[in-house]
């Protein structure tokens, strides 16, 4: 699958490296395709292009920008033409509070900003360390995802599994109102308790 990753920060590049290792073709959508950072991405075997060109050449995309940059990045992307768009962001404002919640979510806002995309919420509820290595001592980390289009959800689930997660579909895109607060649980545990960042959420099943 040809995947555009919008945002070449730590989350975006970690996902990109894992997806490349799984056999997917990755192109990063960046502000300046001629920059040294873009050249370094190419040297690592990925593509680097303008956001619009990366999306146009892709089968689907992952939004991995900071929340404050998401709207501008999606405007730069242009028409998604019905392609998958995985929203890996979290609408976090000052004081680690959500800017959307209860009656709305960041993912639903992303869908409004990118109306021609098929948005699926995923890759938002854990840290980049678990994206790099989802296998932990107790088993695989879980990645919960949600979206309104069944085919897009199936694509996103396949990508989550390719990275190494146990992927679980929660429901409609509005269920991102649950997934985004879950991300804050991980963040608070990671930064305010002795757990640090070296843990992940998983599923236990009664046998």
N, C-alpha and C. Protein backbone atom coordinates (compact mmCIF):
# COMPACT_ATOMS: atom_id res chain seq x y z
N UNK A 1 0.84 -1.19 0.00
CA UNK A 1 0.00 0.00 0.00
C UNK A 1 0.88 1.25 0.00
N UNK A 2 0.50 2.26 -0.75
CA UNK A 2 1.21 3.53 -0.77
C UNK A 2 0.59 4.45 0.30
N UNK A 3 1.41 4.85 1.26
CA UNK A 3 0.90 5.58 2.41
C UNK A 3 1.59 6.94 2.50
N UNK A 4 0.81 7.98 2.58
CA UNK A 4 1.33 9.32 2.85
C UNK A 4 1.25 9.57 4.35
N UNK A 5 2.35 10.04 4.91
CA UNK A 5 2.34 10.41 6.32
C UNK A 5 2.49 11.93 6.39
N UNK A 6 1.45 12.56 6.90
CA UNK A 6 1.43 14.02 7.00
C UNK A 6 2.02 14.39 8.35
N UNK A 7 3.26 14.84 8.32
CA UNK A 7 3.98 15.13 9.55
C UNK A 7 5.16 14.19 9.70
N UNK A 8 6.34 14.75 9.82
CA UNK A 8 7.56 13.94 9.92
C UNK A 8 8.23 14.11 11.26
N UNK A 9 7.41 14.22 12.32
CA UNK A 9 7.94 14.25 13.67
C UNK A 9 8.19 12.86 14.18
N UNK A 10 8.31 12.72 15.50
CA UNK A 10 8.68 11.43 16.08
C UNK A 10 7.62 10.37 15.87
N UNK A 11 6.34 10.73 16.01
CA UNK A 11 5.28 9.75 15.80
C UNK A 11 5.20 9.36 14.32
N UNK A 12 5.20 10.36 13.44
CA UNK A 12 5.09 10.08 12.02
C UNK A 12 6.23 9.22 11.50
N UNK A 13 7.46 9.55 11.88
CA UNK A 13 8.59 8.78 11.38
C UNK A 13 8.66 7.38 11.99
N UNK A 14 8.23 7.25 13.24
CA UNK A 14 8.20 5.91 13.85
C UNK A 14 7.21 5.02 13.11
N UNK A 15 6.01 5.54 12.86
CA UNK A 15 5.03 4.77 12.10
C UNK A 15 5.55 4.49 10.69
N UNK A 16 6.17 5.49 10.08
CA UNK A 16 6.68 5.29 8.74
C UNK A 16 7.73 4.20 8.66
N UNK A 17 8.64 4.17 9.61
CA UNK A 17 9.68 3.14 9.62
C UNK A 17 9.08 1.76 9.80
N UNK A 18 8.09 1.65 10.69
CA UNK A 18 7.45 0.35 10.92
C UNK A 18 6.69 -0.11 9.68
N UNK A 19 6.00 0.81 9.03
CA UNK A 19 5.22 0.44 7.85
C UNK A 19 6.14 0.11 6.68
N UNK A 20 7.25 0.82 6.54
CA UNK A 20 8.24 0.45 5.53
C UNK A 20 8.76 -0.96 5.78
N UNK A 21 9.05 -1.26 7.03
CA UNK A 21 9.57 -2.59 7.36
C UNK A 21 8.56 -3.68 7.04
N UNK A 22 7.26 -3.32 7.07
CA UNK A 22 6.20 -4.29 6.75
C UNK A 22 5.92 -4.35 5.26
N UNK A 23 6.66 -3.60 4.46
CA UNK A 23 6.53 -3.70 3.01
C UNK A 23 5.70 -2.62 2.35
N UNK A 24 5.26 -1.63 3.11
CA UNK A 24 4.47 -0.54 2.53
C UNK A 24 5.40 0.56 2.01
N UNK A 25 4.94 1.27 1.00
CA UNK A 25 5.69 2.40 0.44
C UNK A 25 5.23 3.67 1.14
N UNK A 26 6.17 4.38 1.75
CA UNK A 26 5.84 5.54 2.57
C UNK A 26 6.40 6.80 1.94
N UNK A 27 5.56 7.82 1.84
CA UNK A 27 5.99 9.16 1.42
C UNK A 27 5.53 10.16 2.47
N UNK A 28 6.46 10.94 2.97
CA UNK A 28 6.13 11.96 3.97
C UNK A 28 5.69 13.25 3.26
N UNK A 29 4.59 13.80 3.73
CA UNK A 29 4.16 15.10 3.27
C UNK A 29 4.79 16.16 4.16
N UNK A 30 5.65 16.99 3.59
CA UNK A 30 6.43 17.95 4.37
C UNK A 30 6.27 19.35 3.77
N UNK A 31 6.60 20.35 4.57
CA UNK A 31 6.47 21.74 4.10
C UNK A 31 7.49 22.06 3.01
N UNK A 32 8.71 21.56 3.18
CA UNK A 32 9.78 21.88 2.23
C UNK A 32 10.44 20.59 1.76
N UNK A 33 10.03 20.07 0.60
CA UNK A 33 10.61 18.81 0.11
C UNK A 33 12.09 18.88 -0.22
N UNK A 34 12.64 20.11 -0.29
CA UNK A 34 14.07 20.25 -0.60
C UNK A 34 14.93 20.42 0.64
N UNK A 35 14.33 20.37 1.82
CA UNK A 35 15.07 20.61 3.06
C UNK A 35 16.00 19.44 3.38
N UNK A 36 17.02 19.68 4.21
CA UNK A 36 17.88 18.58 4.65
C UNK A 36 17.10 17.48 5.36
N UNK A 37 16.08 17.84 6.12
CA UNK A 37 15.28 16.81 6.79
C UNK A 37 14.58 15.92 5.78
N UNK A 38 14.05 16.51 4.70
CA UNK A 38 13.40 15.71 3.66
C UNK A 38 14.42 14.82 2.96
N UNK A 39 15.60 15.33 2.73
CA UNK A 39 16.65 14.52 2.10
C UNK A 39 17.04 13.35 2.99
N UNK A 40 17.02 13.55 4.30
CA UNK A 40 17.34 12.46 5.23
C UNK A 40 16.26 11.38 5.17
N UNK A 41 15.02 11.78 5.01
CA UNK A 41 13.93 10.80 4.89
C UNK A 41 14.12 9.96 3.62
N UNK A 42 14.52 10.60 2.54
CA UNK A 42 14.77 9.85 1.30
C UNK A 42 15.94 8.90 1.47
N UNK A 43 16.95 9.35 2.19
CA UNK A 43 18.12 8.50 2.42
C UNK A 43 17.76 7.26 3.21
N UNK A 44 16.68 7.35 4.00
CA UNK A 44 16.22 6.20 4.78
C UNK A 44 15.25 5.32 4.00
N UNK A 45 15.06 5.63 2.72
CA UNK A 45 14.26 4.76 1.87
C UNK A 45 12.82 5.20 1.68
N UNK A 46 12.43 6.33 2.24
CA UNK A 46 11.07 6.83 2.09
C UNK A 46 11.05 7.92 1.03
N UNK A 47 9.84 8.34 0.67
CA UNK A 47 9.70 9.50 -0.18
C UNK A 47 9.44 10.74 0.66
N UNK A 48 9.65 11.90 0.08
CA UNK A 48 9.33 13.17 0.73
C UNK A 48 8.85 14.12 -0.35
N UNK A 49 7.65 14.68 -0.14
CA UNK A 49 7.04 15.54 -1.14
C UNK A 49 6.18 16.57 -0.43
N UNK A 50 5.62 17.50 -1.19
CA UNK A 50 4.65 18.40 -0.58
C UNK A 50 3.48 17.57 -0.06
N UNK A 51 2.75 18.13 0.87
CA UNK A 51 1.62 17.38 1.44
C UNK A 51 0.64 17.00 0.34
N UNK A 52 0.32 17.94 -0.55
CA UNK A 52 -0.64 17.65 -1.62
C UNK A 52 -0.14 16.54 -2.53
N UNK A 53 1.15 16.59 -2.91
CA UNK A 53 1.69 15.57 -3.81
C UNK A 53 1.76 14.21 -3.13
N UNK A 54 2.10 14.19 -1.84
CA UNK A 54 2.16 12.92 -1.11
C UNK A 54 0.78 12.27 -1.03
N UNK A 55 -0.22 13.08 -0.74
CA UNK A 55 -1.59 12.54 -0.65
C UNK A 55 -2.09 12.09 -2.01
N UNK A 56 -1.82 12.87 -3.04
CA UNK A 56 -2.31 12.53 -4.38
C UNK A 56 -1.74 11.20 -4.86
N UNK A 57 -0.50 10.89 -4.47
CA UNK A 57 0.15 9.66 -4.93
C UNK A 57 -0.11 8.47 -4.02
N UNK A 58 -0.91 8.65 -2.98
CA UNK A 58 -1.09 7.60 -1.97
C UNK A 58 -2.39 6.83 -2.16
N UNK A 59 -2.44 5.68 -1.50
CA UNK A 59 -3.70 4.93 -1.35
C UNK A 59 -4.42 5.34 -0.08
N UNK A 60 -3.70 5.93 0.84
CA UNK A 60 -4.25 6.38 2.12
C UNK A 60 -3.21 7.19 2.85
N UNK A 61 -3.64 7.88 3.90
CA UNK A 61 -2.73 8.79 4.60
C UNK A 61 -2.91 8.68 6.10
N UNK A 62 -1.87 9.09 6.82
CA UNK A 62 -1.89 9.17 8.27
C UNK A 62 -1.60 10.61 8.67
N UNK A 63 -2.47 11.21 9.46
CA UNK A 63 -2.25 12.55 9.98
C UNK A 63 -1.53 12.42 11.31
N UNK A 64 -0.27 12.88 11.35
CA UNK A 64 0.57 12.72 12.54
C UNK A 64 1.23 14.03 12.93
N UNK A 65 0.51 15.12 12.75
CA UNK A 65 1.01 16.44 13.14
C UNK A 65 0.59 16.74 14.58
N UNK A 66 1.21 17.75 15.21
CA UNK A 66 0.61 18.27 16.44
C UNK A 66 -0.79 18.80 16.15
N UNK A 67 -1.66 18.79 17.16
CA UNK A 67 -3.03 19.19 16.94
C UNK A 67 -3.11 20.61 16.38
N UNK A 68 -2.29 21.50 16.87
CA UNK A 68 -2.34 22.88 16.42
C UNK A 68 -2.00 23.07 14.96
N UNK A 69 -1.35 22.09 14.35
CA UNK A 69 -0.96 22.18 12.94
C UNK A 69 -1.88 21.37 12.03
N UNK A 70 -2.85 20.69 12.58
CA UNK A 70 -3.65 19.74 11.80
C UNK A 70 -4.49 20.44 10.73
N UNK A 71 -5.16 21.51 11.09
CA UNK A 71 -6.05 22.15 10.12
C UNK A 71 -5.27 22.66 8.91
N UNK A 72 -4.14 23.31 9.15
CA UNK A 72 -3.34 23.83 8.03
C UNK A 72 -2.79 22.69 7.18
N UNK A 73 -2.38 21.61 7.82
CA UNK A 73 -1.84 20.48 7.07
C UNK A 73 -2.90 19.86 6.18
N UNK A 74 -4.11 19.75 6.67
CA UNK A 74 -5.19 19.17 5.88
C UNK A 74 -5.60 20.12 4.75
N UNK A 75 -5.55 21.41 5.01
CA UNK A 75 -5.83 22.37 3.93
C UNK A 75 -4.79 22.24 2.83
N UNK A 76 -3.53 22.03 3.22
CA UNK A 76 -2.47 21.86 2.24
C UNK A 76 -2.61 20.56 1.46
N UNK A 77 -3.24 19.56 2.07
CA UNK A 77 -3.39 18.26 1.42
C UNK A 77 -4.34 18.31 0.24
N UNK A 78 -5.36 19.16 0.32
CA UNK A 78 -6.33 19.25 -0.76
C UNK A 78 -7.32 18.09 -0.74
N UNK A 79 -7.71 17.62 -1.89
CA UNK A 79 -8.76 16.62 -2.04
C UNK A 79 -8.22 15.22 -1.76
N UNK A 80 -8.85 14.54 -0.80
CA UNK A 80 -8.47 13.15 -0.49
C UNK A 80 -9.16 12.14 -1.40
N UNK A 81 -10.17 12.57 -2.14
CA UNK A 81 -10.81 11.73 -3.16
C UNK A 81 -11.30 10.39 -2.61
N UNK A 82 -11.84 10.40 -1.41
CA UNK A 82 -12.40 9.18 -0.84
C UNK A 82 -11.39 8.22 -0.25
N UNK A 83 -10.15 8.66 -0.09
CA UNK A 83 -9.11 7.78 0.47
C UNK A 83 -9.18 7.73 1.99
N UNK A 84 -8.59 6.69 2.53
CA UNK A 84 -8.43 6.55 3.97
C UNK A 84 -7.56 7.67 4.53
N UNK A 85 -7.98 8.25 5.64
CA UNK A 85 -7.16 9.17 6.41
C UNK A 85 -7.20 8.74 7.87
N UNK A 86 -6.08 8.22 8.37
CA UNK A 86 -6.00 7.84 9.77
C UNK A 86 -5.63 9.06 10.59
N UNK A 87 -6.45 9.38 11.56
CA UNK A 87 -6.19 10.51 12.45
C UNK A 87 -5.47 9.99 13.68
N UNK A 88 -4.17 10.29 13.77
CA UNK A 88 -3.36 9.86 14.91
C UNK A 88 -3.14 10.98 15.91
N UNK A 89 -3.87 12.08 15.76
CA UNK A 89 -3.69 13.23 16.63
C UNK A 89 -4.57 13.13 17.87
N UNK A 90 -4.32 14.02 18.81
CA UNK A 90 -5.20 14.20 19.96
C UNK A 90 -5.41 15.70 20.16
N UNK A 91 -6.67 16.13 20.36
CA UNK A 91 -6.97 17.56 20.50
C UNK A 91 -6.66 18.05 21.91
N UNK A 92 -5.38 18.14 22.21
CA UNK A 92 -4.95 18.50 23.56
C UNK A 92 -4.59 19.98 23.60
N UNK A 93 -5.18 20.68 24.58
CA UNK A 93 -4.91 22.09 24.77
C UNK A 93 -4.08 22.33 26.01
N UNK A 94 -4.05 23.56 26.50
CA UNK A 94 -3.25 23.89 27.68
C UNK A 94 -3.65 23.05 28.89
N UNK A 95 -2.65 22.68 29.69
CA UNK A 95 -2.92 21.92 30.91
C UNK A 95 -3.35 20.49 30.66
N UNK A 96 -2.96 19.94 29.51
CA UNK A 96 -3.34 18.56 29.16
C UNK A 96 -4.85 18.35 29.27
N UNK A 97 -5.60 19.27 28.70
CA UNK A 97 -7.06 19.13 28.62
C UNK A 97 -7.46 18.98 27.16
N UNK A 98 -8.57 18.30 26.93
CA UNK A 98 -9.06 18.11 25.57
C UNK A 98 -9.82 19.34 25.11
N UNK A 99 -9.57 19.76 23.89
CA UNK A 99 -10.30 20.88 23.33
C UNK A 99 -11.65 20.46 22.77
N UNK A 100 -11.83 19.15 22.56
CA UNK A 100 -13.09 18.59 22.09
C UNK A 100 -13.45 17.44 23.02
N UNK A 101 -14.74 17.22 23.24
CA UNK A 101 -15.14 16.11 24.09
C UNK A 101 -16.63 16.12 24.38
N UNK A 102 -17.13 14.98 24.82
CA UNK A 102 -18.54 14.78 25.19
C UNK A 102 -19.46 14.81 23.96
N UNK A 103 -19.54 15.94 23.27
CA UNK A 103 -20.44 16.05 22.12
C UNK A 103 -19.69 16.19 20.80
N UNK A 104 -18.38 16.08 20.84
CA UNK A 104 -17.56 16.21 19.65
C UNK A 104 -16.21 15.55 19.94
N UNK A 105 -15.40 15.41 18.91
CA UNK A 105 -14.06 14.84 19.08
C UNK A 105 -13.12 15.46 18.06
N UNK A 106 -11.84 15.31 18.31
CA UNK A 106 -10.87 15.77 17.34
C UNK A 106 -11.03 15.06 16.01
N UNK A 107 -11.33 13.77 16.04
CA UNK A 107 -11.49 13.01 14.79
C UNK A 107 -12.66 13.53 13.97
N UNK A 108 -13.75 13.88 14.64
CA UNK A 108 -14.89 14.43 13.91
C UNK A 108 -14.55 15.80 13.33
N UNK A 109 -13.72 16.57 14.05
CA UNK A 109 -13.26 17.84 13.51
C UNK A 109 -12.36 17.61 12.29
N UNK A 110 -11.49 16.62 12.37
CA UNK A 110 -10.65 16.27 11.23
C UNK A 110 -11.52 15.92 10.02
N UNK A 111 -12.60 15.18 10.25
CA UNK A 111 -13.49 14.83 9.14
C UNK A 111 -14.12 16.08 8.52
N UNK A 112 -14.44 17.05 9.35
CA UNK A 112 -14.99 18.30 8.81
C UNK A 112 -13.94 19.07 8.02
N UNK A 113 -12.69 19.04 8.48
CA UNK A 113 -11.61 19.71 7.76
C UNK A 113 -11.24 18.99 6.47
N UNK A 114 -11.47 17.68 6.43
CA UNK A 114 -11.12 16.87 5.25
C UNK A 114 -12.36 16.09 4.81
N UNK A 115 -13.37 16.78 4.28
CA UNK A 115 -14.66 16.13 4.02
C UNK A 115 -14.62 15.05 2.96
N UNK A 116 -13.60 15.05 2.09
CA UNK A 116 -13.54 14.02 1.06
C UNK A 116 -12.73 12.80 1.49
N UNK A 117 -12.25 12.79 2.72
CA UNK A 117 -11.49 11.64 3.24
C UNK A 117 -12.42 10.70 3.99
N UNK A 118 -11.99 9.46 4.14
CA UNK A 118 -12.67 8.49 5.00
C UNK A 118 -11.82 8.38 6.27
N UNK A 119 -12.22 9.11 7.30
CA UNK A 119 -11.40 9.26 8.50
C UNK A 119 -11.60 8.08 9.44
N UNK A 120 -10.49 7.56 9.93
CA UNK A 120 -10.49 6.52 10.97
C UNK A 120 -9.56 7.00 12.08
N UNK A 121 -10.02 6.90 13.32
CA UNK A 121 -9.19 7.24 14.47
C UNK A 121 -8.34 6.04 14.85
N UNK A 122 -7.02 6.24 14.92
CA UNK A 122 -6.12 5.15 15.33
C UNK A 122 -4.75 5.76 15.64
N UNK A 123 -3.91 4.99 16.29
CA UNK A 123 -2.53 5.37 16.62
C UNK A 123 -2.47 6.61 17.52
N UNK A 124 -3.51 6.85 18.30
CA UNK A 124 -3.52 8.05 19.15
C UNK A 124 -3.40 7.74 20.63
N UNK A 125 -3.56 6.48 21.02
CA UNK A 125 -3.76 6.17 22.44
C UNK A 125 -2.55 5.55 23.12
N UNK A 126 -1.38 5.70 22.50
CA UNK A 126 -0.17 5.18 23.12
C UNK A 126 1.02 5.99 22.64
N UNK A 127 2.20 5.72 23.19
CA UNK A 127 3.40 6.47 22.83
C UNK A 127 4.15 5.87 21.67
N UNK A 128 5.06 6.65 21.14
CA UNK A 128 5.81 6.20 19.96
C UNK A 128 6.67 4.97 20.26
N UNK A 129 7.08 4.81 21.54
CA UNK A 129 7.88 3.62 21.89
C UNK A 129 7.09 2.35 21.61
N UNK A 130 5.79 2.38 21.85
CA UNK A 130 4.96 1.21 21.61
C UNK A 130 4.64 1.04 20.13
N UNK A 131 4.72 2.11 19.36
CA UNK A 131 4.60 1.98 17.91
C UNK A 131 5.85 1.33 17.34
N UNK A 132 7.00 1.68 17.92
CA UNK A 132 8.25 1.07 17.48
C UNK A 132 8.34 -0.39 17.88
N UNK A 133 7.77 -0.75 19.02
CA UNK A 133 7.85 -2.12 19.51
C UNK A 133 6.59 -2.44 20.32
N UNK A 134 5.53 -2.94 19.66
CA UNK A 134 4.28 -3.24 20.37
C UNK A 134 4.31 -4.53 21.19
N UNK A 135 5.36 -5.33 21.04
CA UNK A 135 5.45 -6.57 21.82
C UNK A 135 6.08 -6.28 23.17
N UNK A 136 5.31 -6.52 24.24
CA UNK A 136 5.79 -6.29 25.59
C UNK A 136 5.79 -7.62 26.35
N UNK A 137 6.27 -7.58 27.58
CA UNK A 137 6.40 -8.81 28.35
C UNK A 137 5.07 -9.54 28.51
N UNK A 138 3.98 -8.80 28.64
CA UNK A 138 2.68 -9.44 28.85
C UNK A 138 1.93 -9.76 27.58
N UNK A 139 2.46 -9.42 26.43
CA UNK A 139 1.78 -9.67 25.17
C UNK A 139 1.82 -8.44 24.28
N UNK A 140 1.00 -8.46 23.25
CA UNK A 140 0.97 -7.34 22.32
C UNK A 140 0.14 -6.18 22.86
N UNK A 141 0.59 -4.97 22.57
CA UNK A 141 -0.20 -3.80 22.89
C UNK A 141 -1.45 -3.77 22.01
N UNK A 142 -2.51 -3.20 22.54
CA UNK A 142 -3.76 -3.10 21.79
C UNK A 142 -3.85 -1.73 21.14
N UNK A 143 -4.43 -1.69 19.94
CA UNK A 143 -4.73 -0.44 19.27
C UNK A 143 -6.22 -0.43 18.94
N UNK A 144 -6.94 0.42 19.63
CA UNK A 144 -8.37 0.56 19.39
C UNK A 144 -8.58 1.62 18.32
N UNK A 145 -9.48 1.35 17.39
CA UNK A 145 -9.73 2.29 16.31
C UNK A 145 -11.21 2.39 16.03
N UNK A 146 -11.61 3.47 15.36
CA UNK A 146 -13.02 3.64 15.04
C UNK A 146 -13.17 4.49 13.79
N UNK A 147 -14.27 4.28 13.09
CA UNK A 147 -14.55 5.04 11.87
C UNK A 147 -15.91 4.66 11.32
N UNK A 148 -16.38 5.47 10.39
CA UNK A 148 -17.72 5.26 9.85
C UNK A 148 -17.75 4.38 8.61
N UNK A 149 -16.64 4.28 7.89
CA UNK A 149 -16.61 3.52 6.64
C UNK A 149 -15.97 2.16 6.89
N UNK A 150 -16.72 1.07 6.71
CA UNK A 150 -16.17 -0.26 7.04
C UNK A 150 -14.91 -0.62 6.26
N UNK A 151 -14.85 -0.25 4.98
CA UNK A 151 -13.66 -0.58 4.20
C UNK A 151 -12.45 0.19 4.70
N UNK A 152 -12.64 1.46 5.05
CA UNK A 152 -11.53 2.26 5.57
C UNK A 152 -11.08 1.74 6.93
N UNK A 153 -12.02 1.34 7.77
CA UNK A 153 -11.67 0.76 9.07
C UNK A 153 -10.86 -0.52 8.87
N UNK A 154 -11.26 -1.34 7.90
CA UNK A 154 -10.53 -2.58 7.63
C UNK A 154 -9.11 -2.27 7.16
N UNK A 155 -8.94 -1.25 6.32
CA UNK A 155 -7.60 -0.84 5.89
C UNK A 155 -6.75 -0.39 7.08
N UNK A 156 -7.34 0.45 7.92
CA UNK A 156 -6.60 0.96 9.08
C UNK A 156 -6.25 -0.16 10.04
N UNK A 157 -7.17 -1.09 10.19
CA UNK A 157 -6.90 -2.23 11.07
C UNK A 157 -5.72 -3.05 10.53
N UNK A 158 -5.68 -3.23 9.22
CA UNK A 158 -4.57 -3.96 8.62
C UNK A 158 -3.24 -3.26 8.84
N UNK A 159 -3.24 -1.93 8.78
CA UNK A 159 -2.00 -1.20 9.02
C UNK A 159 -1.57 -1.30 10.48
N UNK A 160 -2.53 -1.22 11.40
CA UNK A 160 -2.20 -1.37 12.82
C UNK A 160 -1.61 -2.75 13.09
N UNK A 161 -2.16 -3.76 12.45
CA UNK A 161 -1.64 -5.12 12.63
C UNK A 161 -0.28 -5.26 11.98
N UNK A 162 -0.06 -4.57 10.86
CA UNK A 162 1.25 -4.62 10.21
C UNK A 162 2.33 -4.02 11.09
N UNK A 163 1.98 -2.99 11.84
CA UNK A 163 2.91 -2.39 12.79
C UNK A 163 3.19 -3.33 13.95
N UNK A 164 2.21 -4.20 14.27
CA UNK A 164 2.41 -5.18 15.33
C UNK A 164 1.40 -5.13 16.45
N UNK A 165 0.41 -4.25 16.37
CA UNK A 165 -0.60 -4.15 17.42
C UNK A 165 -1.66 -5.23 17.29
N UNK A 166 -2.32 -5.52 18.40
CA UNK A 166 -3.59 -6.22 18.36
C UNK A 166 -4.65 -5.15 18.11
N UNK A 167 -5.25 -5.18 16.93
CA UNK A 167 -6.17 -4.11 16.53
C UNK A 167 -7.61 -4.50 16.87
N UNK A 168 -8.34 -3.57 17.46
CA UNK A 168 -9.73 -3.79 17.85
C UNK A 168 -10.57 -2.62 17.36
N UNK A 169 -11.62 -2.92 16.62
CA UNK A 169 -12.52 -1.87 16.14
C UNK A 169 -13.57 -1.58 17.19
N UNK A 170 -13.74 -0.31 17.53
CA UNK A 170 -14.67 0.10 18.57
C UNK A 170 -16.04 0.43 18.03
N UNK A 171 -16.12 1.13 16.92
CA UNK A 171 -17.41 1.53 16.38
C UNK A 171 -17.27 2.71 15.45
N UNK A 172 -18.26 3.60 15.49
CA UNK A 172 -18.32 4.74 14.59
C UNK A 172 -17.28 5.80 14.96
N UNK A 173 -17.09 6.74 14.05
CA UNK A 173 -16.08 7.78 14.28
C UNK A 173 -16.39 8.58 15.54
N UNK A 174 -17.66 8.73 15.87
CA UNK A 174 -18.03 9.46 17.08
C UNK A 174 -17.48 8.80 18.34
N UNK A 175 -17.12 7.53 18.26
CA UNK A 175 -16.53 6.86 19.42
C UNK A 175 -15.11 7.35 19.71
N UNK A 176 -14.56 8.19 18.83
CA UNK A 176 -13.30 8.86 19.15
C UNK A 176 -13.46 9.73 20.39
N UNK A 177 -14.69 10.09 20.75
CA UNK A 177 -14.94 10.82 22.00
C UNK A 177 -14.52 9.99 23.21
N UNK A 178 -14.40 8.68 23.03
CA UNK A 178 -13.90 7.80 24.08
C UNK A 178 -12.40 7.56 23.94
N UNK A 179 -11.92 7.43 22.69
CA UNK A 179 -10.51 7.11 22.47
C UNK A 179 -9.59 8.26 22.81
N UNK A 180 -10.03 9.48 22.58
CA UNK A 180 -9.15 10.62 22.87
C UNK A 180 -8.94 10.82 24.37
N UNK A 181 -9.96 10.68 25.22
CA UNK A 181 -9.68 10.68 26.66
C UNK A 181 -8.81 9.51 27.10
N UNK A 182 -8.93 8.35 26.42
CA UNK A 182 -8.05 7.22 26.74
C UNK A 182 -6.59 7.59 26.52
N UNK A 183 -6.33 8.39 25.50
CA UNK A 183 -4.96 8.84 25.26
C UNK A 183 -4.45 9.65 26.44
N UNK A 184 -5.30 10.47 27.04
CA UNK A 184 -4.88 11.26 28.19
C UNK A 184 -4.57 10.37 29.39
N UNK A 185 -5.26 9.24 29.52
CA UNK A 185 -4.94 8.30 30.59
C UNK A 185 -3.52 7.80 30.41
N UNK A 186 -3.18 7.40 29.16
CA UNK A 186 -1.81 6.92 28.91
C UNK A 186 -0.80 8.03 29.20
N UNK A 187 -1.08 9.23 28.74
CA UNK A 187 -0.15 10.35 28.92
C UNK A 187 0.06 10.66 30.40
N UNK A 188 -1.03 10.70 31.16
CA UNK A 188 -0.88 11.02 32.59
C UNK A 188 -0.09 9.94 33.31
N UNK A 189 -0.37 8.67 33.00
CA UNK A 189 0.40 7.59 33.62
C UNK A 189 1.87 7.67 33.23
N UNK A 190 2.12 8.02 31.98
CA UNK A 190 3.50 8.06 31.49
C UNK A 190 4.31 9.18 32.12
N UNK A 191 3.66 10.31 32.38
CA UNK A 191 4.42 11.48 32.81
C UNK A 191 4.26 11.84 34.28
N UNK A 192 3.34 11.19 34.99
CA UNK A 192 3.14 11.57 36.40
C UNK A 192 3.25 10.39 37.35
N UNK A 193 3.58 9.20 36.85
CA UNK A 193 3.72 8.04 37.71
C UNK A 193 5.05 7.34 37.41
N UNK A 194 5.48 6.44 38.29
CA UNK A 194 6.74 5.72 38.04
C UNK A 194 6.72 4.81 36.81
N UNK A 195 5.57 4.59 36.21
CA UNK A 195 5.52 3.74 35.02
C UNK A 195 6.39 4.28 33.90
N UNK A 196 6.46 5.60 33.79
CA UNK A 196 7.17 6.17 32.66
C UNK A 196 6.49 5.81 31.35
N UNK A 197 7.25 5.82 30.27
CA UNK A 197 6.68 5.58 28.94
C UNK A 197 6.75 4.12 28.50
N UNK A 198 7.35 3.27 29.33
CA UNK A 198 7.58 1.89 28.92
C UNK A 198 6.45 0.97 29.34
N UNK A 199 5.23 1.31 28.95
CA UNK A 199 4.08 0.44 29.20
C UNK A 199 3.06 0.69 28.09
N UNK A 200 2.12 -0.24 27.97
CA UNK A 200 1.06 -0.10 26.97
C UNK A 200 -0.21 -0.73 27.50
N UNK A 201 -1.32 -0.34 26.94
CA UNK A 201 -2.59 -0.98 27.25
C UNK A 201 -2.71 -2.27 26.44
N UNK A 202 -3.30 -3.28 27.05
CA UNK A 202 -3.52 -4.55 26.36
C UNK A 202 -4.83 -5.15 26.78
N UNK A 203 -5.19 -6.29 26.18
CA UNK A 203 -6.42 -6.99 26.49
C UNK A 203 -6.11 -8.32 27.16
N UNK A 204 -6.83 -8.61 28.21
CA UNK A 204 -6.78 -9.92 28.85
C UNK A 204 -8.11 -10.62 28.61
N UNK A 205 -8.07 -11.90 28.29
CA UNK A 205 -9.30 -12.65 28.00
C UNK A 205 -9.44 -13.80 28.97
N UNK A 206 -10.65 -14.01 29.42
CA UNK A 206 -10.93 -15.14 30.29
C UNK A 206 -10.86 -16.44 29.47
N UNK A 207 -10.17 -17.43 29.99
CA UNK A 207 -10.04 -18.69 29.25
C UNK A 207 -10.95 -19.75 29.86
